């Protein structure tokens, strides 16, 4: 490996730097705010879906709770 090319990725097609320097006009603060906004967006989306489908678990018509089977515990000798 030659000196000063340790961050160069050469796959035989087009060598490129491992670090992107395509947007030098974006500051670290703006990048951090964008990253936090994206994470917040996913959190709000998750909470919104969870709130929207809150009662859907109990409304499943496939099997009612009346069909729950309770098996006697034979290990309990106190009965």
PDB file of N, CA and C in Angstrom:
ATOM      1  N   UNK A   1       0.846  -1.164   0.000  1.00  0.00           N
ATOM      2  CA  UNK A   1       0.000   0.000   0.000  1.00  0.00           C
ATOM      3  C   UNK A   1       0.894   1.229   0.000  1.00  0.00           C
ATOM      4  N   UNK A   2       0.564   2.112  -0.864  1.00  0.00           N
ATOM      5  CA  UNK A   2       1.364   3.329  -0.935  1.00  0.00           C
ATOM      6  C   UNK A   2       0.968   4.287   0.177  1.00  0.00           C
ATOM      7  N   UNK A   3       1.885   5.157   0.490  1.00  0.00           N
ATOM      8  CA  UNK A   3       1.622   6.126   1.542  1.00  0.00           C
ATOM      9  C   UNK A   3       0.561   7.123   1.083  1.00  0.00           C
ATOM     10  N   UNK A   4      -0.305   7.560   1.984  1.00  0.00           N
ATOM     11  CA  UNK A   4      -1.378   8.533   1.744  1.00  0.00           C
ATOM     12  C   UNK A   4      -2.525   7.982   0.910  1.00  0.00           C
ATOM     13  N   UNK A   5      -2.616   6.684   0.744  1.00  0.00           N
ATOM     14  CA  UNK A   5      -3.770   6.134   0.027  1.00  0.00           C
ATOM     15  C   UNK A   5      -4.498   5.114   0.895  1.00  0.00           C
ATOM     16  N   UNK A   6      -4.384   5.255   2.201  1.00  0.00           N
ATOM     17  CA  UNK A   6      -5.028   4.291   3.082  1.00  0.00           C
ATOM     18  C   UNK A   6      -6.541   4.475   3.141  1.00  0.00           C
ATOM     19  N   UNK A   7      -7.074   5.611   2.759  1.00  0.00           N
ATOM     20  CA  UNK A   7      -8.522   5.833   2.739  1.00  0.00           C
ATOM     21  C   UNK A   7      -9.086   5.696   1.330  1.00  0.00           C
ATOM     22  N   UNK A   8      -8.313   5.134   0.424  1.00  0.00           N
ATOM     23  CA  UNK A   8      -8.746   4.989  -0.963  1.00  0.00           C
ATOM     24  C   UNK A   8      -9.246   3.580  -1.190  1.00  0.00           C
ATOM     25  N   UNK A   9     -10.462   3.468  -1.719  1.00  0.00           N
ATOM     26  CA  UNK A   9     -11.050   2.173  -2.041  1.00  0.00           C
ATOM     27  C   UNK A   9     -10.959   2.002  -3.543  1.00  0.00           C
ATOM     28  N   UNK A  10     -10.111   1.088  -3.978  1.00  0.00           N
ATOM     29  CA  UNK A  10      -9.941   0.838  -5.405  1.00  0.00           C
ATOM     30  C   UNK A  10     -10.474  -0.542  -5.713  1.00  0.00           C
ATOM     31  N   UNK A  11     -11.666  -0.595  -6.291  1.00  0.00           N
ATOM     32  CA  UNK A  11     -12.282  -1.878  -6.628  1.00  0.00           C
ATOM     33  C   UNK A  11     -12.011  -2.278  -8.065  1.00  0.00           C
ATOM     34  N   UNK A  12     -11.144  -1.575  -8.740  1.00  0.00           N
ATOM     35  CA  UNK A  12     -10.805  -1.917 -10.105  1.00  0.00           C
ATOM     36  C   UNK A  12     -11.675  -1.209 -11.132  1.00  0.00           C
ATOM     37  N   UNK A  13     -12.738  -0.564 -10.684  1.00  0.00           N
ATOM     38  CA  UNK A  13     -13.624   0.151 -11.607  1.00  0.00           C
ATOM     39  C   UNK A  13     -13.345   1.641 -11.542  1.00  0.00           C
ATOM     40  N   UNK A  14     -13.591   2.207 -10.362  1.00  0.00           N
ATOM     41  CA  UNK A  14     -13.334   3.624 -10.177  1.00  0.00           C
ATOM     42  C   UNK A  14     -12.901   3.834  -8.731  1.00  0.00           C
ATOM     43  N   UNK A  15     -11.639   4.173  -8.502  1.00  0.00           N
ATOM     44  CA  UNK A  15     -11.189   4.378  -7.130  1.00  0.00           C
ATOM     45  C   UNK A  15     -11.905   5.577  -6.510  1.00  0.00           C
ATOM     46  N   UNK A  16     -12.300   5.415  -5.257  1.00  0.00           N
ATOM     47  CA  UNK A  16     -12.982   6.500  -4.554  1.00  0.00           C
ATOM     48  C   UNK A  16     -12.516   6.523  -3.114  1.00  0.00           C
ATOM     49  N   UNK A  17     -12.687   7.659  -2.498  1.00  0.00           N
ATOM     50  CA  UNK A  17     -12.290   7.815  -1.111  1.00  0.00           C
ATOM     51  C   UNK A  17     -13.286   7.120  -0.198  1.00  0.00           C
ATOM     52  N   UNK A  18     -12.814   6.599   0.895  1.00  0.00           N
ATOM     53  CA  UNK A  18     -13.683   5.930   1.856  1.00  0.00           C
ATOM     54  C   UNK A  18     -14.550   6.937   2.597  1.00  0.00           C
ATOM     55  N   UNK A  19     -14.067   8.138   2.745  1.00  0.00           N
ATOM     56  CA  UNK A  19     -14.841   9.203   3.378  1.00  0.00           C
ATOM     57  C   UNK A  19     -15.419  10.098   2.296  1.00  0.00           C
ATOM     58  N   UNK A  20     -16.695  10.429   2.436  1.00  0.00           N
ATOM     59  CA  UNK A  20     -17.340  11.288   1.449  1.00  0.00           C
ATOM     60  C   UNK A  20     -17.088  12.747   1.783  1.00  0.00           C
ATOM     61  N   UNK A  21     -16.664  13.455   0.787  1.00  0.00           N
ATOM     62  CA  UNK A  21     -16.459  14.891   0.906  1.00  0.00           C
ATOM     63  C   UNK A  21     -17.345  15.604  -0.106  1.00  0.00           C
ATOM     64  N   UNK A  22     -18.541  15.033  -0.367  1.00  0.00           N
ATOM     65  CA  UNK A  22     -19.414  15.564  -1.403  1.00  0.00           C
ATOM     66  C   UNK A  22     -20.197  16.781  -0.954  1.00  0.00           C
ATOM     67  N   UNK A  23     -20.378  16.969   0.332  1.00  0.00           N
ATOM     68  CA  UNK A  23     -21.189  18.077   0.828  1.00  0.00           C
ATOM     69  C   UNK A  23     -20.434  18.871   1.889  1.00  0.00           C
ATOM     70  N   UNK A  24     -19.414  19.605   1.483  1.00  0.00           N
ATOM     71  CA  UNK A  24     -18.662  20.368   2.481  1.00  0.00           C
ATOM     72  C   UNK A  24     -19.450  21.562   3.021  1.00  0.00           C
ATOM     73  N   UNK A  25     -20.556  21.942   2.365  1.00  0.00           N
ATOM     74  CA  UNK A  25     -21.343  23.090   2.824  1.00  0.00           C
ATOM     75  C   UNK A  25     -22.268  22.721   3.989  1.00  0.00           C
ATOM     76  N   UNK A  26     -22.383  21.434   4.334  1.00  0.00           N
ATOM     77  CA  UNK A  26     -23.224  20.993   5.448  1.00  0.00           C
ATOM     78  C   UNK A  26     -22.349  20.957   6.702  1.00  0.00           C
ATOM     79  N   UNK A  27     -22.771  21.713   7.714  1.00  0.00           N
ATOM     80  CA  UNK A  27     -21.986  21.747   8.946  1.00  0.00           C
ATOM     81  C   UNK A  27     -22.298  20.517   9.804  1.00  0.00           C
ATOM     82  N   UNK A  28     -21.476  20.290  10.797  1.00  0.00           N
ATOM     83  CA  UNK A  28     -21.693  19.167  11.709  1.00  0.00           C
ATOM     84  C   UNK A  28     -22.985  19.357  12.495  1.00  0.00           C
ATOM     85  N   UNK A  29     -23.281  20.575  12.863  1.00  0.00           N
ATOM     86  CA  UNK A  29     -24.517  20.864  13.602  1.00  0.00           C
ATOM     87  C   UNK A  29     -25.740  20.555  12.736  1.00  0.00           C
ATOM     88  N   UNK A  30     -25.719  20.951  11.479  1.00  0.00           N
ATOM     89  CA  UNK A  30     -26.849  20.670  10.584  1.00  0.00           C
ATOM     90  C   UNK A  30     -26.980  19.168  10.334  1.00  0.00           C
ATOM     91  N   UNK A  31     -25.872  18.478  10.229  1.00  0.00           N
ATOM     92  CA  UNK A  31     -25.923  17.025  10.077  1.00  0.00           C
ATOM     93  C   UNK A  31     -26.485  16.340  11.305  1.00  0.00           C
ATOM     94  N   UNK A  32     -26.099  16.810  12.490  1.00  0.00           N
ATOM     95  CA  UNK A  32     -26.624  16.255  13.734  1.00  0.00           C
ATOM     96  C   UNK A  32     -28.120  16.514  13.842  1.00  0.00           C
ATOM     97  N   UNK A  33     -28.562  17.741  13.523  1.00  0.00           N
ATOM     98  CA  UNK A  33     -29.989  18.055  13.579  1.00  0.00           C
ATOM     99  C   UNK A  33     -30.786  17.208  12.590  1.00  0.00           C
ATOM    100  N   UNK A  34     -30.250  16.977  11.421  1.00  0.00           N
ATOM    101  CA  UNK A  34     -30.942  16.142  10.439  1.00  0.00           C
ATOM    102  C   UNK A  34     -31.039  14.703  10.928  1.00  0.00           C
ATOM    103  N   UNK A  35     -29.978  14.211  11.520  1.00  0.00           N
ATOM    104  CA  UNK A  35     -29.977  12.844  12.041  1.00  0.00           C
ATOM    105  C   UNK A  35     -30.982  12.699  13.179  1.00  0.00           C
ATOM    106  N   UNK A  36     -31.001  13.677  14.105  1.00  0.00           N
ATOM    107  CA  UNK A  36     -31.960  13.641  15.205  1.00  0.00           C
ATOM    108  C   UNK A  36     -33.394  13.794  14.706  1.00  0.00           C
ATOM    109  N   UNK A  37     -33.619  14.598  13.679  1.00  0.00           N
ATOM    110  CA  UNK A  37     -34.958  14.751  13.115  1.00  0.00           C
ATOM    111  C   UNK A  37     -35.427  13.442  12.491  1.00  0.00           C
ATOM    112  N   UNK A  38     -34.535  12.729  11.824  1.00  0.00           N
ATOM    113  CA  UNK A  38     -34.913  11.445  11.230  1.00  0.00           C
ATOM    114  C   UNK A  38     -35.245  10.424  12.311  1.00  0.00           C
ATOM    115  N   UNK A  39     -34.441  10.355  13.372  1.00  0.00           N
ATOM    116  CA  UNK A  39     -34.732   9.438  14.471  1.00  0.00           C
ATOM    117  C   UNK A  39     -36.041   9.799  15.165  1.00  0.00           C
ATOM    118  N   UNK A  40     -36.291  11.088  15.355  1.00  0.00           N
ATOM    119  CA  UNK A  40     -37.547  11.522  15.964  1.00  0.00           C
ATOM    120  C   UNK A  40     -38.728  11.175  15.077  1.00  0.00           C
ATOM    121  N   UNK A  41     -38.556  11.313  13.780  1.00  0.00           N
ATOM    122  CA  UNK A  41     -39.627  10.955  12.850  1.00  0.00           C
ATOM    123  C   UNK A  41     -39.983   9.488  12.943  1.00  0.00           C
ATOM    124  N   UNK A  42     -38.983   8.640  13.024  1.00  0.00           N
ATOM    125  CA  UNK A  42     -39.252   7.202  13.173  1.00  0.00           C
ATOM    126  C   UNK A  42     -39.908   6.898  14.512  1.00  0.00           C
ATOM    127  N   UNK A  43     -39.501   7.590  15.570  1.00  0.00           N
ATOM    128  CA  UNK A  43     -40.108   7.376  16.885  1.00  0.00           C
ATOM    129  C   UNK A  43     -41.574   7.804  16.878  1.00  0.00           C
ATOM    130  N   UNK A  44     -41.874   8.965  16.273  1.00  0.00           N
ATOM    131  CA  UNK A  44     -43.262   9.423  16.188  1.00  0.00           C
ATOM    132  C   UNK A  44     -44.092   8.487  15.325  1.00  0.00           C
ATOM    133  N   UNK A  45     -43.525   7.989  14.250  1.00  0.00           N
ATOM    134  CA  UNK A  45     -44.239   7.037  13.398  1.00  0.00           C
ATOM    135  C   UNK A  45     -44.556   5.759  14.171  1.00  0.00           C
ATOM    136  N   UNK A  46     -43.597   5.254  14.927  1.00  0.00           N
ATOM    137  CA  UNK A  46     -43.807   4.047  15.730  1.00  0.00           C
ATOM    138  C   UNK A  46     -44.894   4.280  16.777  1.00  0.00           C
ATOM    139  N   UNK A  47     -44.808   5.407  17.491  1.00  0.00           N
ATOM    140  CA  UNK A  47     -45.804   5.695  18.522  1.00  0.00           C
ATOM    141  C   UNK A  47     -47.184   5.905  17.911  1.00  0.00           C
ATOM    142  N   UNK A  48     -47.250   6.527  16.740  1.00  0.00           N
ATOM    143  CA  UNK A  48     -48.529   6.730  16.074  1.00  0.00           C
ATOM    144  C   UNK A  48     -49.171   5.417  15.658  1.00  0.00           C
ATOM    145  N   UNK A  49     -48.395   4.512  15.120  1.00  0.00           N
ATOM    146  CA  UNK A  49     -48.927   3.198  14.732  1.00  0.00           C
ATOM    147  C   UNK A  49     -49.336   2.422  15.972  1.00  0.00           C
ATOM    148  N   UNK A  50     -48.545   2.512  17.034  1.00  0.00           N
ATOM    149  CA  UNK A  50     -48.888   1.818  18.268  1.00  0.00           C
ATOM    150  C   UNK A  50     -50.179   2.385  18.865  1.00  0.00           C
ATOM    151  N   UNK A  51     -50.365   3.695  18.821  1.00  0.00           N
ATOM    152  CA  UNK A  51     -51.583   4.313  19.331  1.00  0.00           C
ATOM    153  C   UNK A  51     -52.780   3.959  18.451  1.00  0.00           C
ATOM    154  N   UNK A  52     -52.591   3.957  17.138  1.00  0.00           N
ATOM    155  CA  UNK A  52     -53.681   3.688  16.198  1.00  0.00           C
ATOM    156  C   UNK A  52     -54.191   2.257  16.340  1.00  0.00           C
ATOM    157  N   UNK A  53     -53.324   1.318  16.592  1.00  0.00           N
ATOM    158  CA  UNK A  53     -53.706  -0.097  16.676  1.00  0.00           C
ATOM    159  C   UNK A  53     -53.780  -0.574  18.115  1.00  0.00           C
ATOM    160  N   UNK A  54     -54.034   0.303  19.058  1.00  0.00           N
ATOM    161  CA  UNK A  54     -54.010  -0.057  20.474  1.00  0.00           C
ATOM    162  C   UNK A  54     -55.038  -1.122  20.812  1.00  0.00           C
ATOM    163  N   UNK A  55     -56.278  -0.994  20.360  1.00  0.00           N
ATOM    164  CA  UNK A  55     -57.308  -1.956  20.707  1.00  0.00           C
ATOM    165  C   UNK A  55     -57.412  -3.115  19.742  1.00  0.00           C
ATOM    166  N   UNK A  56     -56.580  -3.154  18.730  1.00  0.00           N
ATOM    167  CA  UNK A  56     -56.707  -4.181  17.702  1.00  0.00           C
ATOM    168  C   UNK A  56     -56.326  -5.566  18.208  1.00  0.00           C
ATOM    169  N   UNK A  57     -55.555  -5.654  19.263  1.00  0.00           N
ATOM    170  CA  UNK A  57     -55.136  -6.960  19.767  1.00  0.00           C
ATOM    171  C   UNK A  57     -56.321  -7.692  20.377  1.00  0.00           C
ATOM    172  N   UNK A  58     -57.174  -6.982  21.120  1.00  0.00           N
ATOM    173  CA  UNK A  58     -58.323  -7.610  21.764  1.00  0.00           C
ATOM    174  C   UNK A  58     -59.487  -7.814  20.803  1.00  0.00           C
ATOM    175  N   UNK A  59     -59.464  -7.176  19.655  1.00  0.00           N
ATOM    176  CA  UNK A  59     -60.558  -7.278  18.706  1.00  0.00           C
ATOM    177  C   UNK A  59     -60.335  -8.360  17.660  1.00  0.00           C
ATOM    178  N   UNK A  60     -59.450  -9.289  17.901  1.00  0.00           N
ATOM    179  CA  UNK A  60     -59.161 -10.349  16.932  1.00  0.00           C
ATOM    180  C   UNK A  60     -60.324 -11.344  16.907  1.00  0.00           C
ATOM    181  N   UNK A  61     -61.052 -11.458  15.803  1.00  0.00           N
ATOM    182  CA  UNK A  61     -62.201 -12.356  15.762  1.00  0.00           C
ATOM    183  C   UNK A  61     -61.818 -13.815  15.516  1.00  0.00           C
ATOM    184  N   UNK A  62     -60.551 -14.113  15.354  1.00  0.00           N
ATOM    185  CA  UNK A  62     -60.160 -15.485  15.021  1.00  0.00           C
ATOM    186  C   UNK A  62     -60.400 -16.436  16.184  1.00  0.00           C
ATOM    187  N   UNK A  63     -60.187 -15.997  17.398  1.00  0.00           N
ATOM    188  CA  UNK A  63     -60.336 -16.867  18.555  1.00  0.00           C
ATOM    189  C   UNK A  63     -60.694 -16.016  19.758  1.00  0.00           C
ATOM    190  N   UNK A  64     -61.812 -16.307  20.394  1.00  0.00           N
ATOM    191  CA  UNK A  64     -62.236 -15.509  21.541  1.00  0.00           C
ATOM    192  C   UNK A  64     -61.567 -16.026  22.814  1.00  0.00           C
ATOM    193  N   UNK A  65     -61.644 -15.232  23.853  1.00  0.00           N
ATOM    194  CA  UNK A  65     -61.047 -15.633  25.128  1.00  0.00           C
ATOM    195  C   UNK A  65     -61.883 -16.699  25.827  1.00  0.00           C
ATOM    196  N   UNK A  66     -63.092 -16.926  25.377  1.00  0.00           N
ATOM    197  CA  UNK A  66     -63.938 -17.958  25.974  1.00  0.00           C
ATOM    198  C   UNK A  66     -63.417 -19.358  25.654  1.00  0.00           C
ATOM    199  N   UNK A  67     -62.579 -19.476  24.660  1.00  0.00           N
ATOM    200  CA  UNK A  67     -62.055 -20.781  24.271  1.00  0.00           C
ATOM    201  C   UNK A  67     -60.708 -21.079  24.915  1.00  0.00           C
ATOM    202  N   UNK A  68     -60.262 -20.242  25.859  1.00  0.00           N
ATOM    203  CA  UNK A  68     -58.992 -20.510  26.537  1.00  0.00           C
ATOM    204  C   UNK A  68     -59.085 -21.813  27.326  1.00  0.00           C
ATOM    205  N   UNK A  69     -58.080 -22.621  27.214  1.00  0.00           N
ATOM    206  CA  UNK A  69     -58.056 -23.914  27.889  1.00  0.00           C
ATOM    207  C   UNK A  69     -57.177 -23.802  29.123  1.00  0.00           C
ATOM    208  N   UNK A  70     -57.719 -24.185  30.256  1.00  0.00           N
ATOM    209  CA  UNK A  70     -56.958 -24.182  31.493  1.00  0.00           C
ATOM    210  C   UNK A  70     -56.689 -25.636  31.863  1.00  0.00           C
ATOM    211  N   UNK A  71     -55.431 -25.994  31.939  1.00  0.00           N
ATOM    212  CA  UNK A  71     -55.033 -27.362  32.240  1.00  0.00           C
ATOM    213  C   UNK A  71     -54.751 -27.473  33.728  1.00  0.00           C
ATOM    214  N   UNK A  72     -55.266 -28.515  34.346  1.00  0.00           N
ATOM    215  CA  UNK A  72     -55.057 -28.726  35.772  1.00  0.00           C
ATOM    216  C   UNK A  72     -53.568 -28.953  36.039  1.00  0.00           C
ATOM    217  N   UNK A  73     -53.072 -28.347  37.101  1.00  0.00           N
ATOM    218  CA  UNK A  73     -51.689 -28.493  37.485  1.00  0.00           C
ATOM    219  C   UNK A  73     -51.583 -29.705  38.400  1.00  0.00           C
ATOM    220  N   UNK A  74     -51.094 -30.811  37.861  1.00  0.00           N
ATOM    221  CA  UNK A  74     -50.993 -32.049  38.627  1.00  0.00           C
ATOM    222  C   UNK A  74     -49.842 -32.028  39.634  1.00  0.00           C
ATOM    223  N   UNK A  75     -48.937 -31.083  39.513  1.00  0.00           N
ATOM    224  CA  UNK A  75     -47.814 -30.989  40.437  1.00  0.00           C
ATOM    225  C   UNK A  75     -48.246 -30.343  41.753  1.00  0.00           C
ATOM    226  N   UNK A  76     -49.379 -29.637  41.748  1.00  0.00           N
ATOM    227  CA  UNK A  76     -49.871 -28.979  42.949  1.00  0.00           C
ATOM    228  C   UNK A  76     -50.693 -29.980  43.761  1.00  0.00           C
ATOM    229  N   UNK A  77     -50.159 -30.477  44.877  1.00  0.00           N
ATOM    230  CA  UNK A  77     -50.819 -31.513  45.682  1.00  0.00           C
ATOM    231  C   UNK A  77     -51.709 -30.942  46.776  1.00  0.00           C
ATOM    232  N   UNK A  78     -51.808 -29.615  46.858  1.00  0.00           N
ATOM    233  CA  UNK A  78     -52.595 -29.013  47.920  1.00  0.00           C
ATOM    234  C   UNK A  78     -54.084 -29.072  47.623  1.00  0.00           C
ATOM    235  N   UNK A  79     -54.481 -29.386  46.409  1.00  0.00           N
ATOM    236  CA  UNK A  79     -55.903 -29.411  46.056  1.00  0.00           C
ATOM    237  C   UNK A  79     -56.511 -30.762  46.223  1.00  0.00           C
TER     238      UNK A  79
END
